[in-house]
PDB file of N, CA and C in Angstrom:
ATOM      1  N   UNK A   1     -50.228 -51.363  43.217  1.00  0.00           N
ATOM      2  CA  UNK A   1     -49.498 -50.404  42.407  1.00  0.00           C
ATOM      3  C   UNK A   1     -50.235 -50.224  41.088  1.00  0.00           C
ATOM      4  N   UNK A   2     -50.438 -48.971  40.700  1.00  0.00           N
ATOM      5  CA  UNK A   2     -51.135 -48.656  39.465  1.00  0.00           C
ATOM      6  C   UNK A   2     -50.119 -48.421  38.348  1.00  0.00           C
ATOM      7  N   UNK A   3     -50.302 -49.021  37.207  1.00  0.00           N
ATOM      8  CA  UNK A   3     -49.412 -48.828  36.066  1.00  0.00           C
ATOM      9  C   UNK A   3     -50.020 -47.766  35.166  1.00  0.00           C
ATOM     10  N   UNK A   4     -49.274 -46.707  34.979  1.00  0.00           N
ATOM     11  CA  UNK A   4     -49.743 -45.649  34.088  1.00  0.00           C
ATOM     12  C   UNK A   4     -49.367 -46.019  32.661  1.00  0.00           C
ATOM     13  N   UNK A   5     -50.109 -45.505  31.706  1.00  0.00           N
ATOM     14  CA  UNK A   5     -49.819 -45.787  30.304  1.00  0.00           C
ATOM     15  C   UNK A   5     -49.749 -44.482  29.540  1.00  0.00           C
ATOM     16  N   UNK A   6     -49.026 -44.502  28.463  1.00  0.00           N
ATOM     17  CA  UNK A   6     -48.915 -43.339  27.590  1.00  0.00           C
ATOM     18  C   UNK A   6     -49.051 -43.815  26.159  1.00  0.00           C
ATOM     19  N   UNK A   7     -49.495 -42.922  25.291  1.00  0.00           N
ATOM     20  CA  UNK A   7     -49.650 -43.289  23.897  1.00  0.00           C
ATOM     21  C   UNK A   7     -48.510 -42.658  23.101  1.00  0.00           C
ATOM     22  N   UNK A   8     -47.721 -43.493  22.457  1.00  0.00           N
ATOM     23  CA  UNK A   8     -46.599 -43.048  21.638  1.00  0.00           C
ATOM     24  C   UNK A   8     -46.819 -43.587  20.242  1.00  0.00           C
ATOM     25  N   UNK A   9     -46.958 -42.683  19.275  1.00  0.00           N
ATOM     26  CA  UNK A   9     -47.137 -43.078  17.889  1.00  0.00           C
ATOM     27  C   UNK A   9     -48.283 -44.086  17.754  1.00  0.00           C
ATOM     28  N   UNK A  10     -49.411 -43.801  18.370  1.00  0.00           N
ATOM     29  CA  UNK A  10     -50.641 -44.588  18.344  1.00  0.00           C
ATOM     30  C   UNK A  10     -50.476 -45.993  18.920  1.00  0.00           C
ATOM     31  N   UNK A  11     -49.550 -46.156  19.846  1.00  0.00           N
ATOM     32  CA  UNK A  11     -49.320 -47.440  20.498  1.00  0.00           C
ATOM     33  C   UNK A  11     -49.356 -47.194  22.002  1.00  0.00           C
ATOM     34  N   UNK A  12     -50.205 -47.892  22.743  1.00  0.00           N
ATOM     35  CA  UNK A  12     -50.301 -47.708  24.187  1.00  0.00           C
ATOM     36  C   UNK A  12     -49.248 -48.568  24.869  1.00  0.00           C
ATOM     37  N   UNK A  13     -48.432 -47.932  25.713  1.00  0.00           N
ATOM     38  CA  UNK A  13     -47.322 -48.600  26.383  1.00  0.00           C
ATOM     39  C   UNK A  13     -47.286 -48.210  27.845  1.00  0.00           C
ATOM     40  N   UNK A  14     -46.678 -49.038  28.696  1.00  0.00           N
ATOM     41  CA  UNK A  14     -46.431 -48.595  30.069  1.00  0.00           C
ATOM     42  C   UNK A  14     -45.569 -47.333  30.034  1.00  0.00           C
ATOM     43  N   UNK A  15     -45.749 -46.448  31.000  1.00  0.00           N
ATOM     44  CA  UNK A  15     -45.117 -45.128  30.959  1.00  0.00           C
ATOM     45  C   UNK A  15     -43.595 -45.203  30.833  1.00  0.00           C
ATOM     46  N   UNK A  16     -42.942 -46.146  31.487  1.00  0.00           N
ATOM     47  CA  UNK A  16     -41.481 -46.222  31.374  1.00  0.00           C
ATOM     48  C   UNK A  16     -41.052 -46.606  29.966  1.00  0.00           C
ATOM     49  N   UNK A  17     -41.776 -47.515  29.339  1.00  0.00           N
ATOM     50  CA  UNK A  17     -41.446 -47.899  27.964  1.00  0.00           C
ATOM     51  C   UNK A  17     -41.748 -46.749  26.998  1.00  0.00           C
ATOM     52  N   UNK A  18     -42.827 -46.028  27.261  1.00  0.00           N
ATOM     53  CA  UNK A  18     -43.174 -44.879  26.420  1.00  0.00           C
ATOM     54  C   UNK A  18     -42.081 -43.821  26.504  1.00  0.00           C
ATOM     55  N   UNK A  19     -41.582 -43.566  27.717  1.00  0.00           N
ATOM     56  CA  UNK A  19     -40.490 -42.589  27.866  1.00  0.00           C
ATOM     57  C   UNK A  19     -39.255 -43.055  27.113  1.00  0.00           C
ATOM     58  N   UNK A  20     -38.952 -44.335  27.185  1.00  0.00           N
ATOM     59  CA  UNK A  20     -37.794 -44.865  26.475  1.00  0.00           C
ATOM     60  C   UNK A  20     -37.951 -44.664  24.969  1.00  0.00           C
ATOM     61  N   UNK A  21     -39.155 -44.949  24.445  1.00  0.00           N
ATOM     62  CA  UNK A  21     -39.384 -44.775  23.010  1.00  0.00           C
ATOM     63  C   UNK A  21     -39.339 -43.304  22.613  1.00  0.00           C
ATOM     64  N   UNK A  22     -39.951 -42.436  23.409  1.00  0.00           N
ATOM     65  CA  UNK A  22     -39.941 -41.022  23.045  1.00  0.00           C
ATOM     66  C   UNK A  22     -38.538 -40.464  23.178  1.00  0.00           C
ATOM     67  N   UNK A  23     -37.757 -40.971  24.129  1.00  0.00           N
ATOM     68  CA  UNK A  23     -36.365 -40.553  24.238  1.00  0.00           C
ATOM     69  C   UNK A  23     -35.584 -40.920  22.997  1.00  0.00           C
ATOM     70  N   UNK A  24     -35.862 -42.092  22.451  1.00  0.00           N
ATOM     71  CA  UNK A  24     -35.217 -42.521  21.210  1.00  0.00           C
ATOM     72  C   UNK A  24     -35.613 -41.601  20.071  1.00  0.00           C
ATOM     73  N   UNK A  25     -36.881 -41.204  20.032  1.00  0.00           N
ATOM     74  CA  UNK A  25     -37.337 -40.285  18.987  1.00  0.00           C
ATOM     75  C   UNK A  25     -36.641 -38.938  19.098  1.00  0.00           C
ATOM     76  N   UNK A  26     -36.441 -38.464  20.326  1.00  0.00           N
ATOM     77  CA  UNK A  26     -35.744 -37.189  20.534  1.00  0.00           C
ATOM     78  C   UNK A  26     -34.303 -37.308  20.076  1.00  0.00           C
ATOM     79  N   UNK A  27     -33.645 -38.422  20.415  1.00  0.00           N
ATOM     80  CA  UNK A  27     -32.268 -38.632  19.981  1.00  0.00           C
ATOM     81  C   UNK A  27     -32.184 -38.665  18.462  1.00  0.00           C
ATOM     82  N   UNK A  28     -33.133 -39.314  17.812  1.00  0.00           N
ATOM     83  CA  UNK A  28     -33.157 -39.365  16.357  1.00  0.00           C
ATOM     84  C   UNK A  28     -33.332 -37.969  15.776  1.00  0.00           C
ATOM     85  N   UNK A  29     -34.214 -37.184  16.355  1.00  0.00           N
ATOM     86  CA  UNK A  29     -34.424 -35.809  15.891  1.00  0.00           C
ATOM     87  C   UNK A  29     -33.151 -34.996  16.053  1.00  0.00           C
ATOM     88  N   UNK A  30     -32.450 -35.183  17.173  1.00  0.00           N
ATOM     89  CA  UNK A  30     -31.189 -34.464  17.387  1.00  0.00           C
ATOM     90  C   UNK A  30     -30.158 -34.843  16.326  1.00  0.00           C
ATOM     91  N   UNK A  31     -30.082 -36.129  15.994  1.00  0.00           N
ATOM     92  CA  UNK A  31     -29.145 -36.585  14.967  1.00  0.00           C
ATOM     93  C   UNK A  31     -29.507 -36.009  13.594  1.00  0.00           C
ATOM     94  N   UNK A  32     -30.810 -35.970  13.294  1.00  0.00           N
ATOM     95  CA  UNK A  32     -31.257 -35.396  12.026  1.00  0.00           C
ATOM     96  C   UNK A  32     -30.907 -33.918  11.950  1.00  0.00           C
ATOM     97  N   UNK A  33     -31.088 -33.193  13.058  1.00  0.00           N
ATOM     98  CA  UNK A  33     -30.732 -31.772  13.107  1.00  0.00           C
ATOM     99  C   UNK A  33     -29.241 -31.577  12.887  1.00  0.00           C
ATOM    100  N   UNK A  34     -28.421 -32.397  13.550  1.00  0.00           N
ATOM    101  CA  UNK A  34     -26.969 -32.295  13.414  1.00  0.00           C
ATOM    102  C   UNK A  34     -26.540 -32.582  11.973  1.00  0.00           C
ATOM    103  N   UNK A  35     -27.157 -33.585  11.342  1.00  0.00           N
ATOM    104  CA  UNK A  35     -26.846 -33.904   9.949  1.00  0.00           C
ATOM    105  C   UNK A  35     -27.225 -32.751   9.026  1.00  0.00           C
ATOM    106  N   UNK A  36     -28.415 -32.193   9.224  1.00  0.00           N
ATOM    107  CA  UNK A  36     -28.863 -31.071   8.385  1.00  0.00           C
ATOM    108  C   UNK A  36     -27.919 -29.882   8.523  1.00  0.00           C
ATOM    109  N   UNK A  37     -27.486 -29.590   9.739  1.00  0.00           N
ATOM    110  CA  UNK A  37     -26.565 -28.476   9.964  1.00  0.00           C
ATOM    111  C   UNK A  37     -25.216 -28.753   9.308  1.00  0.00           C
ATOM    112  N   UNK A  38     -24.709 -29.978   9.424  1.00  0.00           N
ATOM    113  CA  UNK A  38     -23.437 -30.330   8.798  1.00  0.00           C
ATOM    114  C   UNK A  38     -23.521 -30.211   7.277  1.00  0.00           C
ATOM    115  N   UNK A  39     -24.645 -30.663   6.705  1.00  0.00           N
ATOM    116  CA  UNK A  39     -24.825 -30.548   5.251  1.00  0.00           C
ATOM    117  C   UNK A  39     -24.898 -29.082   4.827  1.00  0.00           C
ATOM    118  N   UNK A  40     -25.596 -28.265   5.603  1.00  0.00           N
ATOM    119  CA  UNK A  40     -25.692 -26.835   5.297  1.00  0.00           C
ATOM    120  C   UNK A  40     -24.308 -26.188   5.346  1.00  0.00           C
ATOM    121  N   UNK A  41     -23.554 -26.494   6.399  1.00  0.00           N
ATOM    122  CA  UNK A  41     -22.215 -25.899   6.529  1.00  0.00           C
ATOM    123  C   UNK A  41     -21.296 -26.356   5.393  1.00  0.00           C
ATOM    124  N   UNK A  42     -21.451 -27.579   4.922  1.00  0.00           N
ATOM    125  CA  UNK A  42     -20.657 -28.060   3.792  1.00  0.00           C
ATOM    126  C   UNK A  42     -21.019 -27.284   2.523  1.00  0.00           C
ATOM    127  N   UNK A  43     -22.327 -27.072   2.298  1.00  0.00           N
ATOM    128  CA  UNK A  43     -22.754 -26.271   1.140  1.00  0.00           C
ATOM    129  C   UNK A  43     -22.261 -24.839   1.267  1.00  0.00           C
ATOM    130  N   UNK A  44     -22.296 -24.311   2.479  1.00  0.00           N
ATOM    131  CA  UNK A  44     -21.828 -22.947   2.741  1.00  0.00           C
ATOM    132  C   UNK A  44     -20.339 -22.847   2.427  1.00  0.00           C
ATOM    133  N   UNK A  45     -19.541 -23.813   2.876  1.00  0.00           N
ATOM    134  CA  UNK A  45     -18.102 -23.819   2.633  1.00  0.00           C
ATOM    135  C   UNK A  45     -17.787 -23.944   1.144  1.00  0.00           C
ATOM    136  N   UNK A  46     -18.664 -24.631   0.410  1.00  0.00           N
ATOM    137  CA  UNK A  46     -18.472 -24.803  -1.029  1.00  0.00           C
ATOM    138  C   UNK A  46     -18.972 -23.600  -1.825  1.00  0.00           C
ATOM    139  N   UNK A  47     -19.509 -22.590  -1.132  1.00  0.00           N
ATOM    140  CA  UNK A  47     -20.004 -21.391  -1.800  1.00  0.00           C
ATOM    141  C   UNK A  47     -21.345 -21.581  -2.480  1.00  0.00           C
ATOM    142  N   UNK A  48     -22.108 -22.580  -2.058  1.00  0.00           N
ATOM    143  CA  UNK A  48     -23.393 -22.884  -2.681  1.00  0.00           C
ATOM    144  C   UNK A  48     -24.580 -22.250  -1.966  1.00  0.00           C
ATOM    145  N   UNK A  49     -24.322 -21.469  -0.928  1.00  0.00           N
ATOM    146  CA  UNK A  49     -25.407 -20.866  -0.141  1.00  0.00           C
ATOM    147  C   UNK A  49     -25.478 -19.381  -0.461  1.00  0.00           C
ATOM    148  N   UNK A  50     -26.685 -18.926  -0.790  1.00  0.00           N
ATOM    149  CA  UNK A  50     -26.909 -17.508  -1.054  1.00  0.00           C
ATOM    150  C   UNK A  50     -27.857 -16.970   0.003  1.00  0.00           C
ATOM    151  N   UNK A  51     -27.427 -15.952   0.705  1.00  0.00           N
ATOM    152  CA  UNK A  51     -28.268 -15.355   1.741  1.00  0.00           C
ATOM    153  C   UNK A  51     -29.111 -14.219   1.191  1.00  0.00           C
ATOM    154  N   UNK A  52     -30.202 -13.948   1.858  1.00  0.00           N
ATOM    155  CA  UNK A  52     -31.071 -12.828   1.499  1.00  0.00           C
ATOM    156  C   UNK A  52     -31.276 -12.011   2.771  1.00  0.00           C
ATOM    157  N   UNK A  53     -30.959 -10.715   2.736  1.00  0.00           N
ATOM    158  CA  UNK A  53     -31.148  -9.883   3.929  1.00  0.00           C
ATOM    159  C   UNK A  53     -32.617  -9.871   4.377  1.00  0.00           C
ATOM    160  N   UNK A  54     -32.821  -9.735   5.695  1.00  0.00           N
ATOM    161  CA  UNK A  54     -34.183  -9.736   6.243  1.00  0.00           C
ATOM    162  C   UNK A  54     -35.076  -8.692   5.586  1.00  0.00           C
ATOM    163  N   UNK A  55     -34.541  -7.513   5.368  1.00  0.00           N
ATOM    164  CA  UNK A  55     -35.345  -6.450   4.760  1.00  0.00           C
ATOM    165  C   UNK A  55     -35.849  -6.873   3.379  1.00  0.00           C
ATOM    166  N   UNK A  56     -34.997  -7.529   2.593  1.00  0.00           N
ATOM    167  CA  UNK A  56     -35.398  -7.996   1.270  1.00  0.00           C
ATOM    168  C   UNK A  56     -36.459  -9.097   1.370  1.00  0.00           C
ATOM    169  N   UNK A  57     -36.322  -9.985   2.328  1.00  0.00           N
ATOM    170  CA  UNK A  57     -37.317 -11.043   2.532  1.00  0.00           C
ATOM    171  C   UNK A  57     -38.672 -10.422   2.851  1.00  0.00           C
ATOM    172  N   UNK A  58     -38.669  -9.435   3.744  1.00  0.00           N
ATOM    173  CA  UNK A  58     -39.927  -8.779   4.112  1.00  0.00           C
ATOM    174  C   UNK A  58     -40.581  -8.141   2.886  1.00  0.00           C
ATOM    175  N   UNK A  59     -39.767  -7.520   2.009  1.00  0.00           N
ATOM    176  CA  UNK A  59     -40.312  -6.915   0.787  1.00  0.00           C
ATOM    177  C   UNK A  59     -40.871  -8.002  -0.120  1.00  0.00           C
ATOM    178  N   UNK A  60     -40.130  -9.088  -0.305  1.00  0.00           N
ATOM    179  CA  UNK A  60     -40.575 -10.180  -1.177  1.00  0.00           C
ATOM    180  C   UNK A  60     -41.872 -10.811  -0.683  1.00  0.00           C
ATOM    181  N   UNK A  61     -42.046 -10.861   0.636  1.00  0.00           N
ATOM    182  CA  UNK A  61     -43.269 -11.433   1.207  1.00  0.00           C
ATOM    183  C   UNK A  61     -44.400 -10.428   1.292  1.00  0.00           C
ATOM    184  N   UNK A  62     -44.142  -9.195   0.900  1.00  0.00           N
ATOM    185  CA  UNK A  62     -45.177  -8.170   0.952  1.00  0.00           C
ATOM    186  C   UNK A  62     -45.440  -7.652   2.342  1.00  0.00           C
ATOM    187  N   UNK A  63     -44.484  -7.813   3.258  1.00  0.00           N
ATOM    188  CA  UNK A  63     -44.665  -7.362   4.633  1.00  0.00           C
ATOM    189  C   UNK A  63     -44.271  -5.899   4.809  1.00  0.00           C
ATOM    190  N   UNK A  64     -43.535  -5.378   3.855  1.00  0.00           N
ATOM    191  CA  UNK A  64     -43.150  -3.954   3.878  1.00  0.00           C
ATOM    192  C   UNK A  64     -43.280  -3.403   2.472  1.00  0.00           C
ATOM    193  N   UNK A  65     -43.600  -2.154   2.432  1.00  0.00           N
ATOM    194  CA  UNK A  65     -43.680  -1.507   1.135  1.00  0.00           C
ATOM    195  C   UNK A  65     -42.319  -0.945   0.767  1.00  0.00           C
ATOM    196  N   UNK A  66     -42.000  -1.017  -0.511  1.00  0.00           N
ATOM    197  CA  UNK A  66     -40.727  -0.459  -0.961  1.00  0.00           C
ATOM    198  C   UNK A  66     -40.851   1.053  -0.984  1.00  0.00           C
ATOM    199  N   UNK A  67     -39.736   1.725  -0.724  1.00  0.00           N
ATOM    200  CA  UNK A  67     -39.714   3.193  -0.741  1.00  0.00           C
ATOM    201  C   UNK A  67     -39.745   3.680  -2.182  1.00  0.00           C
ATOM    202  N   UNK A  68     -40.566   4.708  -2.435  1.00  0.00           N
ATOM    203  CA  UNK A  68     -40.658   5.238  -3.790  1.00  0.00           C
ATOM    204  C   UNK A  68     -39.917   6.532  -3.882  1.00  0.00           C
TER     205      UNK A  68
END
């Protein structure tokens, strides 16, 4: 039986252990995303979020010319 290996965060591991570690990293990323969204929604509910329409963003970035 041949043991395959994978490199996770510059560490060589057997493939099953590598999958377990990368799965943990994915779960951590999901938790970070959920936290960021919850914090954003809390700021939004507190009235601390200011939106900018897409058209205005494009003008600010110089992607569209303003009408004269």
